[in-house]
Amino acid sequence: MKNLTITVEDSVLEWARVEAARRGTSVSRMVGDFMAELQQREDAYERAYLAWRTDERSWQGGAMPPAGAAAARTIGGRRKTGQEGA
């Protein structure tokens, strides 16, 4: 494990000390846990993104609605029927 020196506002450090005591841990452990959680989220996002990019099914025409689906467009919250103004 390595040490890390950070600079924060006094009020942030005071909050962190109180929060760490409330959680029964140290500021150092709390910051380390936060960084590890952030790393896991970013890694999971990256894996999901790469899986999506390499999923050939998402690039085949099946992902787009059929051409006739354009008739289901709405105007002013109402379904367009082609008879507006008639």
PDB file of N, CA and C in Angstrom:
ATOM      1  N   MET A   1       0.832  -1.179   0.000  1.00  0.00           N
ATOM      2  CA  MET A   1       0.000   0.000   0.000  1.00  0.00           C
ATOM      3  C   MET A   1       0.876   1.242   0.000  1.00  0.00           C
ATOM      4  N   LYS A   2       0.369   2.268  -0.660  1.00  0.00           N
ATOM      5  CA  LYS A   2       1.089   3.540  -0.751  1.00  0.00           C
ATOM      6  C   LYS A   2       0.341   4.619   0.013  1.00  0.00           C
ATOM      7  N   ASN A   3       1.077   5.626   0.450  1.00  0.00           N
ATOM      8  CA  ASN A   3       0.480   6.790   1.098  1.00  0.00           C
ATOM      9  C   ASN A   3       0.130   7.818   0.032  1.00  0.00           C
ATOM     10  N   LEU A   4      -0.874   8.655   0.339  1.00  0.00           N
ATOM     11  CA  LEU A   4      -1.329   9.690  -0.564  1.00  0.00           C
ATOM     12  C   LEU A   4      -1.558  10.952   0.256  1.00  0.00           C
ATOM     13  N   THR A   5      -1.040  12.057  -0.215  1.00  0.00           N
ATOM     14  CA  THR A   5      -1.278  13.342   0.438  1.00  0.00           C
ATOM     15  C   THR A   5      -2.253  14.122  -0.412  1.00  0.00           C
ATOM     16  N   ILE A   6      -3.319  14.640   0.207  1.00  0.00           N
ATOM     17  CA  ILE A   6      -4.312  15.422  -0.517  1.00  0.00           C
ATOM     18  C   ILE A   6      -4.513  16.756   0.189  1.00  0.00           C
ATOM     19  N   THR A   7      -5.032  17.710  -0.545  1.00  0.00           N
ATOM     20  CA  THR A   7      -5.344  19.023   0.019  1.00  0.00           C
ATOM     21  C   THR A   7      -6.837  19.243  -0.110  1.00  0.00           C
ATOM     22  N   VAL A   8      -7.474  19.556   1.027  1.00  0.00           N
ATOM     23  CA  VAL A   8      -8.915  19.814   1.033  1.00  0.00           C
ATOM     24  C   VAL A   8      -9.189  21.026   1.912  1.00  0.00           C
ATOM     25  N   GLU A   9     -10.352  21.612   1.714  1.00  0.00           N
ATOM     26  CA  GLU A   9     -10.776  22.724   2.558  1.00  0.00           C
ATOM     27  C   GLU A   9     -10.913  22.244   4.006  1.00  0.00           C
ATOM     28  N   ASP A  10     -10.693  23.153   4.941  1.00  0.00           N
ATOM     29  CA  ASP A  10     -10.813  22.814   6.358  1.00  0.00           C
ATOM     30  C   ASP A  10     -12.186  22.239   6.685  1.00  0.00           C
ATOM     31  N   SER A  11     -13.230  22.841   6.132  1.00  0.00           N
ATOM     32  CA  SER A  11     -14.584  22.379   6.429  1.00  0.00           C
ATOM     33  C   SER A  11     -14.821  20.963   5.902  1.00  0.00           C
ATOM     34  N   VAL A  12     -14.218  20.634   4.767  1.00  0.00           N
ATOM     35  CA  VAL A  12     -14.354  19.289   4.203  1.00  0.00           C
ATOM     36  C   VAL A  12     -13.645  18.279   5.102  1.00  0.00           C
ATOM     37  N   LEU A  13     -12.461  18.630   5.574  1.00  0.00           N
ATOM     38  CA  LEU A  13     -11.723  17.728   6.455  1.00  0.00           C
ATOM     39  C   LEU A  13     -12.468  17.517   7.763  1.00  0.00           C
ATOM     40  N   GLU A  14     -13.054  18.568   8.308  1.00  0.00           N
ATOM     41  CA  GLU A  14     -13.826  18.431   9.545  1.00  0.00           C
ATOM     42  C   GLU A  14     -15.015  17.504   9.336  1.00  0.00           C
ATOM     43  N   TRP A  15     -15.721  17.699   8.213  1.00  0.00           N
ATOM     44  CA  TRP A  15     -16.838  16.809   7.899  1.00  0.00           C
ATOM     45  C   TRP A  15     -16.362  15.368   7.763  1.00  0.00           C
ATOM     46  N   ALA A  16     -15.244  15.164   7.060  1.00  0.00           N
ATOM     47  CA  ALA A  16     -14.720  13.816   6.843  1.00  0.00           C
ATOM     48  C   ALA A  16     -14.351  13.153   8.165  1.00  0.00           C
ATOM     49  N   ARG A  17     -13.773  13.893   9.083  1.00  0.00           N
ATOM     50  CA  ARG A  17     -13.419  13.327  10.394  1.00  0.00           C
ATOM     51  C   ARG A  17     -14.664  12.898  11.162  1.00  0.00           C
ATOM     52  N   VAL A  18     -15.682  13.743  11.155  1.00  0.00           N
ATOM     53  CA  VAL A  18     -16.930  13.409  11.851  1.00  0.00           C
ATOM     54  C   VAL A  18     -17.598  12.210  11.186  1.00  0.00           C
ATOM     55  N   GLU A  19     -17.649  12.218   9.859  1.00  0.00           N
ATOM     56  CA  GLU A  19     -18.284  11.121   9.121  1.00  0.00           C
ATOM     57  C   GLU A  19     -17.537   9.807   9.333  1.00  0.00           C
ATOM     58  N   ALA A  20     -16.215   9.853   9.315  1.00  0.00           N
ATOM     59  CA  ALA A  20     -15.428   8.642   9.543  1.00  0.00           C
ATOM     60  C   ALA A  20     -15.675   8.106  10.953  1.00  0.00           C
ATOM     61  N   ALA A  21     -15.724   8.978  11.949  1.00  0.00           N
ATOM     62  CA  ALA A  21     -15.990   8.542  13.326  1.00  0.00           C
ATOM     63  C   ALA A  21     -17.387   7.929  13.421  1.00  0.00           C
ATOM     64  N   ARG A  22     -18.348   8.547  12.756  1.00  0.00           N
ATOM     65  CA  ARG A  22     -19.718   8.014  12.760  1.00  0.00           C
ATOM     66  C   ARG A  22     -19.772   6.622  12.160  1.00  0.00           C
ATOM     67  N   ARG A  23     -18.946   6.393  11.137  1.00  0.00           N
ATOM     68  CA  ARG A  23     -18.913   5.088  10.471  1.00  0.00           C
ATOM     69  C   ARG A  23     -17.971   4.095  11.149  1.00  0.00           C
ATOM     70  N   GLY A  24     -17.229   4.564  12.146  1.00  0.00           N
ATOM     71  CA  GLY A  24     -16.293   3.674  12.835  1.00  0.00           C
ATOM     72  C   GLY A  24     -15.075   3.316  12.002  1.00  0.00           C
ATOM     73  N   THR A  25     -14.586   4.277  11.235  1.00  0.00           N
ATOM     74  CA  THR A  25     -13.431   4.051  10.374  1.00  0.00           C
ATOM     75  C   THR A  25     -12.550   5.290  10.406  1.00  0.00           C
ATOM     76  N   SER A  26     -11.536   5.314   9.578  1.00  0.00           N
ATOM     77  CA  SER A  26     -10.655   6.475   9.504  1.00  0.00           C
ATOM     78  C   SER A  26     -10.923   7.237   8.210  1.00  0.00           C
ATOM     79  N   VAL A  27     -10.490   8.491   8.185  1.00  0.00           N
ATOM     80  CA  VAL A  27     -10.611   9.291   6.964  1.00  0.00           C
ATOM     81  C   VAL A  27      -9.828   8.611   5.848  1.00  0.00           C
ATOM     82  N   SER A  28      -8.657   8.117   6.168  1.00  0.00           N
ATOM     83  CA  SER A  28      -7.822   7.444   5.176  1.00  0.00           C
ATOM     84  C   SER A  28      -8.545   6.243   4.568  1.00  0.00           C
ATOM     85  N   ARG A  29      -9.149   5.414   5.409  1.00  0.00           N
ATOM     86  CA  ARG A  29      -9.870   4.231   4.925  1.00  0.00           C
ATOM     87  C   ARG A  29     -11.100   4.654   4.114  1.00  0.00           C
ATOM     88  N   MET A  30     -11.797   5.689   4.570  1.00  0.00           N
ATOM     89  CA  MET A  30     -12.981   6.156   3.873  1.00  0.00           C
ATOM     90  C   MET A  30     -12.622   6.652   2.468  1.00  0.00           C
ATOM     91  N   VAL A  31     -11.552   7.418   2.346  1.00  0.00           N
ATOM     92  CA  VAL A  31     -11.114   7.916   1.038  1.00  0.00           C
ATOM     93  C   VAL A  31     -10.664   6.752   0.156  1.00  0.00           C
ATOM     94  N   GLY A  32      -9.931   5.819   0.716  1.00  0.00           N
ATOM     95  CA  GLY A  32      -9.484   4.651  -0.047  1.00  0.00           C
ATOM     96  C   GLY A  32     -10.653   3.818  -0.552  1.00  0.00           C
ATOM     97  N   ASP A  33     -11.654   3.608   0.314  1.00  0.00           N
ATOM     98  CA  ASP A  33     -12.840   2.852  -0.089  1.00  0.00           C
ATOM     99  C   ASP A  33     -13.602   3.574  -1.197  1.00  0.00           C
ATOM    100  N   PHE A  34     -13.700   4.903  -1.069  1.00  0.00           N
ATOM    101  CA  PHE A  34     -14.381   5.697  -2.098  1.00  0.00           C
ATOM    102  C   PHE A  34     -13.680   5.548  -3.446  1.00  0.00           C
ATOM    103  N   MET A  35     -12.366   5.636  -3.439  1.00  0.00           N
ATOM    104  CA  MET A  35     -11.609   5.530  -4.690  1.00  0.00           C
ATOM    105  C   MET A  35     -11.739   4.133  -5.289  1.00  0.00           C
ATOM    106  N   ALA A  36     -11.715   3.099  -4.450  1.00  0.00           N
ATOM    107  CA  ALA A  36     -11.864   1.727  -4.942  1.00  0.00           C
ATOM    108  C   ALA A  36     -13.248   1.513  -5.552  1.00  0.00           C
ATOM    109  N   GLU A  37     -14.286   2.076  -4.915  1.00  0.00           N
ATOM    110  CA  GLU A  37     -15.644   1.960  -5.447  1.00  0.00           C
ATOM    111  C   GLU A  37     -15.765   2.680  -6.781  1.00  0.00           C
ATOM    112  N   LEU A  38     -15.167   3.851  -6.878  1.00  0.00           N
ATOM    113  CA  LEU A  38     -15.185   4.601  -8.131  1.00  0.00           C
ATOM    114  C   LEU A  38     -14.479   3.820  -9.242  1.00  0.00           C
ATOM    115  N   GLN A  39     -13.366   3.206  -8.908  1.00  0.00           N
ATOM    116  CA  GLN A  39     -12.637   2.395  -9.883  1.00  0.00           C
ATOM    117  C   GLN A  39     -13.497   1.226 -10.366  1.00  0.00           C
ATOM    118  N   GLN A  40     -14.198   0.551  -9.450  1.00  0.00           N
ATOM    119  CA  GLN A  40     -15.046  -0.571  -9.838  1.00  0.00           C
ATOM    120  C   GLN A  40     -16.185  -0.124 -10.747  1.00  0.00           C
ATOM    121  N   ARG A  41     -16.789   1.029 -10.440  1.00  0.00           N
ATOM    122  CA  ARG A  41     -17.873   1.538 -11.285  1.00  0.00           C
ATOM    123  C   ARG A  41     -17.372   1.858 -12.679  1.00  0.00           C
ATOM    124  N   GLU A  42     -16.233   2.525 -12.754  1.00  0.00           N
ATOM    125  CA  GLU A  42     -15.674   2.888 -14.055  1.00  0.00           C
ATOM    126  C   GLU A  42     -15.311   1.638 -14.852  1.00  0.00           C
ATOM    127  N   ASP A  43     -14.727   0.636 -14.195  1.00  0.00           N
ATOM    128  CA  ASP A  43     -14.372  -0.610 -14.880  1.00  0.00           C
ATOM    129  C   ASP A  43     -15.623  -1.318 -15.389  1.00  0.00           C
ATOM    130  N   ALA A  44     -16.683  -1.359 -14.573  1.00  0.00           N
ATOM    131  CA  ALA A  44     -17.928  -2.012 -14.980  1.00  0.00           C
ATOM    132  C   ALA A  44     -18.543  -1.277 -16.162  1.00  0.00           C
ATOM    133  N   TYR A  45     -18.525   0.056 -16.133  1.00  0.00           N
ATOM    134  CA  TYR A  45     -19.059   0.838 -17.244  1.00  0.00           C
ATOM    135  C   TYR A  45     -18.267   0.551 -18.512  1.00  0.00           C
ATOM    136  N   GLU A  46     -16.954   0.549 -18.405  1.00  0.00           N
ATOM    137  CA  GLU A  46     -16.102   0.302 -19.571  1.00  0.00           C
ATOM    138  C   GLU A  46     -16.371  -1.084 -20.156  1.00  0.00           C
ATOM    139  N   ARG A  47     -16.512  -2.089 -19.298  1.00  0.00           N
ATOM    140  CA  ARG A  47     -16.809  -3.440 -19.783  1.00  0.00           C
ATOM    141  C   ARG A  47     -18.163  -3.488 -20.491  1.00  0.00           C
ATOM    142  N   ALA A  48     -19.173  -2.837 -19.914  1.00  0.00           N
ATOM    143  CA  ALA A  48     -20.500  -2.831 -20.526  1.00  0.00           C
ATOM    144  C   ALA A  48     -20.472  -2.104 -21.868  1.00  0.00           C
ATOM    145  N   TYR A  49     -19.758  -0.993 -21.928  1.00  0.00           N
ATOM    146  CA  TYR A  49     -19.661  -0.235 -23.166  1.00  0.00           C
ATOM    147  C   TYR A  49     -18.972  -1.063 -24.256  1.00  0.00           C
ATOM    148  N   LEU A  50     -17.876  -1.704 -23.905  1.00  0.00           N
ATOM    149  CA  LEU A  50     -17.164  -2.516 -24.893  1.00  0.00           C
ATOM    150  C   LEU A  50     -18.006  -3.704 -25.342  1.00  0.00           C
ATOM    151  N   ALA A  51     -18.762  -4.303 -24.428  1.00  0.00           N
ATOM    152  CA  ALA A  51     -19.634  -5.411 -24.796  1.00  0.00           C
ATOM    153  C   ALA A  51     -20.701  -4.934 -25.776  1.00  0.00           C
ATOM    154  N   TRP A  52     -21.258  -3.746 -25.519  1.00  0.00           N
ATOM    155  CA  TRP A  52     -22.264  -3.196 -26.419  1.00  0.00           C
ATOM    156  C   TRP A  52     -21.667  -2.914 -27.795  1.00  0.00           C
ATOM    157  N   ARG A  53     -20.465  -2.334 -27.809  1.00  0.00           N
ATOM    158  CA  ARG A  53     -19.819  -1.990 -29.083  1.00  0.00           C
ATOM    159  C   ARG A  53     -19.512  -3.225 -29.917  1.00  0.00           C
ATOM    160  N   THR A  54     -19.221  -4.348 -29.263  1.00  0.00           N
ATOM    161  CA  THR A  54     -18.839  -5.552 -30.003  1.00  0.00           C
ATOM    162  C   THR A  54     -20.003  -6.493 -30.237  1.00  0.00           C
ATOM    163  N   ASP A  55     -21.196  -6.143 -29.761  1.00  0.00           N
ATOM    164  CA  ASP A  55     -22.374  -6.983 -29.957  1.00  0.00           C
ATOM    165  C   ASP A  55     -22.905  -6.752 -31.369  1.00  0.00           C
ATOM    166  N   GLU A  56     -22.661  -7.701 -32.251  1.00  0.00           N
ATOM    167  CA  GLU A  56     -23.034  -7.534 -33.664  1.00  0.00           C
ATOM    168  C   GLU A  56     -24.536  -7.377 -33.840  1.00  0.00           C
ATOM    169  N   ARG A  57     -25.336  -7.944 -32.959  1.00  0.00           N
ATOM    170  CA  ARG A  57     -26.789  -7.848 -33.099  1.00  0.00           C
ATOM    171  C   ARG A  57     -27.252  -6.401 -33.017  1.00  0.00           C
ATOM    172  N   SER A  58     -26.564  -5.565 -32.235  1.00  0.00           N
ATOM    173  CA  SER A  58     -27.004  -4.178 -32.104  1.00  0.00           C
ATOM    174  C   SER A  58     -26.717  -3.373 -33.371  1.00  0.00           C
ATOM    175  N   TRP A  59     -25.870  -3.886 -34.255  1.00  0.00           N
ATOM    176  CA  TRP A  59     -25.548  -3.156 -35.479  1.00  0.00           C
ATOM    177  C   TRP A  59     -26.337  -3.666 -36.678  1.00  0.00           C
ATOM    178  N   GLN A  60     -27.132  -4.705 -36.484  1.00  0.00           N
ATOM    179  CA  GLN A  60     -27.953  -5.210 -37.576  1.00  0.00           C
ATOM    180  C   GLN A  60     -29.275  -4.461 -37.573  1.00  0.00           C
ATOM    181  N   GLY A  61     -29.935  -4.403 -38.700  1.00  0.00           N
ATOM    182  CA  GLY A  61     -31.155  -3.628 -38.869  1.00  0.00           C
ATOM    183  C   GLY A  61     -32.242  -3.877 -37.839  1.00  0.00           C
ATOM    184  N   GLY A  62     -32.214  -4.962 -37.096  1.00  0.00           N
ATOM    185  CA  GLY A  62     -33.266  -5.282 -36.138  1.00  0.00           C
ATOM    186  C   GLY A  62     -33.414  -4.278 -35.021  1.00  0.00           C
ATOM    187  N   ALA A  63     -32.406  -3.463 -34.767  1.00  0.00           N
ATOM    188  CA  ALA A  63     -32.476  -2.509 -33.666  1.00  0.00           C
ATOM    189  C   ALA A  63     -33.305  -1.280 -34.025  1.00  0.00           C
ATOM    190  N   MET A  64     -33.528  -1.019 -35.304  1.00  0.00           N
ATOM    191  CA  MET A  64     -34.283   0.146 -35.744  1.00  0.00           C
ATOM    192  C   MET A  64     -35.748  -0.240 -35.951  1.00  0.00           C
ATOM    193  N   PRO A  65     -36.677   0.680 -35.685  1.00  0.00           N
ATOM    194  CA  PRO A  65     -38.092   0.371 -35.922  1.00  0.00           C
ATOM    195  C   PRO A  65     -38.355   0.249 -37.420  1.00  0.00           C
ATOM    196  N   PRO A  66     -39.354  -0.527 -37.791  1.00  0.00           N
ATOM    197  CA  PRO A  66     -39.659  -0.667 -39.219  1.00  0.00           C
ATOM    198  C   PRO A  66     -40.106   0.661 -39.814  1.00  0.00           C
ATOM    199  N   ALA A  67     -40.001   0.793 -41.138  1.00  0.00           N
ATOM    200  CA  ALA A  67     -40.314   2.053 -41.815  1.00  0.00           C
ATOM    201  C   ALA A  67     -41.746   2.506 -41.550  1.00  0.00           C
ATOM    202  N   GLY A  68     -42.690   1.611 -41.424  1.00  0.00           N
ATOM    203  CA  GLY A  68     -44.084   1.957 -41.179  1.00  0.00           C
ATOM    204  C   GLY A  68     -44.316   2.544 -39.801  1.00  0.00           C
ATOM    205  N   ALA A  69     -43.376   2.435 -38.914  1.00  0.00           N
ATOM    206  CA  ALA A  69     -43.537   2.944 -37.553  1.00  0.00           C
ATOM    207  C   ALA A  69     -43.568   4.460 -37.530  1.00  0.00           C
ATOM    208  N   ALA A  70     -43.169   5.116 -38.604  1.00  0.00           N
ATOM    209  CA  ALA A  70     -43.183   6.575 -38.653  1.00  0.00           C
ATOM    210  C   ALA A  70     -44.600   7.113 -38.530  1.00  0.00           C
ATOM    211  N   ALA A  71     -45.603   6.330 -38.888  1.00  0.00           N
ATOM    212  CA  ALA A  71     -46.994   6.768 -38.802  1.00  0.00           C
ATOM    213  C   ALA A  71     -47.438   6.951 -37.363  1.00  0.00           C
ATOM    214  N   ALA A  72     -46.685   6.437 -36.410  1.00  0.00           N
ATOM    215  CA  ALA A  72     -47.058   6.527 -34.999  1.00  0.00           C
ATOM    216  C   ALA A  72     -46.555   7.812 -34.360  1.00  0.00           C
ATOM    217  N   ARG A  73     -46.007   8.737 -35.134  1.00  0.00           N
ATOM    218  CA  ARG A  73     -45.540  10.015 -34.585  1.00  0.00           C
ATOM    219  C   ARG A  73     -46.705  10.761 -33.967  1.00  0.00           C
ATOM    220  N   THR A  74     -46.390  11.611 -32.995  1.00  0.00           N
ATOM    221  CA  THR A  74     -47.458  12.375 -32.355  1.00  0.00           C
ATOM    222  C   THR A  74     -47.265  13.855 -32.602  1.00  0.00           C
ATOM    223  N   ILE A  75     -48.364  14.597 -32.565  1.00  0.00           N
ATOM    224  CA  ILE A  75     -48.344  16.052 -32.685  1.00  0.00           C
ATOM    225  C   ILE A  75     -49.090  16.601 -31.483  1.00  0.00           C
ATOM    226  N   GLY A  76     -48.411  17.449 -30.697  1.00  0.00           N
ATOM    227  CA  GLY A  76     -49.050  18.061 -29.538  1.00  0.00           C
ATOM    228  C   GLY A  76     -49.585  17.035 -28.555  1.00  0.00           C
ATOM    229  N   GLY A  77     -48.904  15.894 -28.408  1.00  0.00           N
ATOM    230  CA  GLY A  77     -49.334  14.878 -27.463  1.00  0.00           C
ATOM    231  C   GLY A  77     -50.432  13.972 -28.009  1.00  0.00           C
ATOM    232  N   ARG A  78     -50.944  14.254 -29.240  1.00  0.00           N
ATOM    233  CA  ARG A  78     -51.971  13.405 -29.837  1.00  0.00           C
ATOM    234  C   ARG A  78     -51.365  12.621 -30.985  1.00  0.00           C
ATOM    235  N   ARG A  79     -51.892  11.502 -31.227  1.00  0.00           N
ATOM    236  CA  ARG A  79     -51.433  10.668 -32.309  1.00  0.00           C
ATOM    237  C   ARG A  79     -51.780  11.305 -33.651  1.00  0.00           C
ATOM    238  N   LYS A  80     -50.837  11.357 -34.560  1.00  0.00           N
ATOM    239  CA  LYS A  80     -51.070  11.918 -35.896  1.00  0.00           C
ATOM    240  C   LYS A  80     -51.835  10.890 -36.734  1.00  0.00           C
ATOM    241  N   THR A  81     -52.990  11.283 -37.247  1.00  0.00           N
ATOM    242  CA  THR A  81     -53.814  10.349 -38.021  1.00  0.00           C
ATOM    243  C   THR A  81     -53.875  10.703 -39.504  1.00  0.00           C
ATOM    244  N   GLY A  82     -53.375  11.863 -39.854  1.00  0.00           N
ATOM    245  CA  GLY A  82     -53.440  12.277 -41.258  1.00  0.00           C
ATOM    246  C   GLY A  82     -54.735  13.007 -41.573  1.00  0.00           C
ATOM    247  N   GLN A  83     -55.617  13.138 -40.570  1.00  0.00           N
ATOM    248  CA  GLN A  83     -56.894  13.807 -40.797  1.00  0.00           C
ATOM    249  C   GLN A  83     -56.998  15.119 -40.021  1.00  0.00           C
ATOM    250  N   GLU A  84     -55.850  15.635 -39.513  1.00  0.00           N
ATOM    251  CA  GLU A  84     -55.885  16.913 -38.800  1.00  0.00           C
ATOM    252  C   GLU A  84     -56.292  18.010 -39.766  1.00  0.00           C
ATOM    253  N   GLY A  85     -57.148  18.911 -39.335  1.00  0.00           N
ATOM    254  CA  GLY A  85     -57.561  20.034 -40.145  1.00  0.00           C
ATOM    255  C   GLY A  85     -58.626  19.688 -41.166  1.00  0.00           C
ATOM    256  N   ALA A  86     -59.092  18.449 -41.176  1.00  0.00           N
ATOM    257  CA  ALA A  86     -60.119  18.034 -42.138  1.00  0.00           C
ATOM    258  C   ALA A  86     -61.500  18.179 -41.544  1.00  0.00           C
TER     259      ALA A  86
END
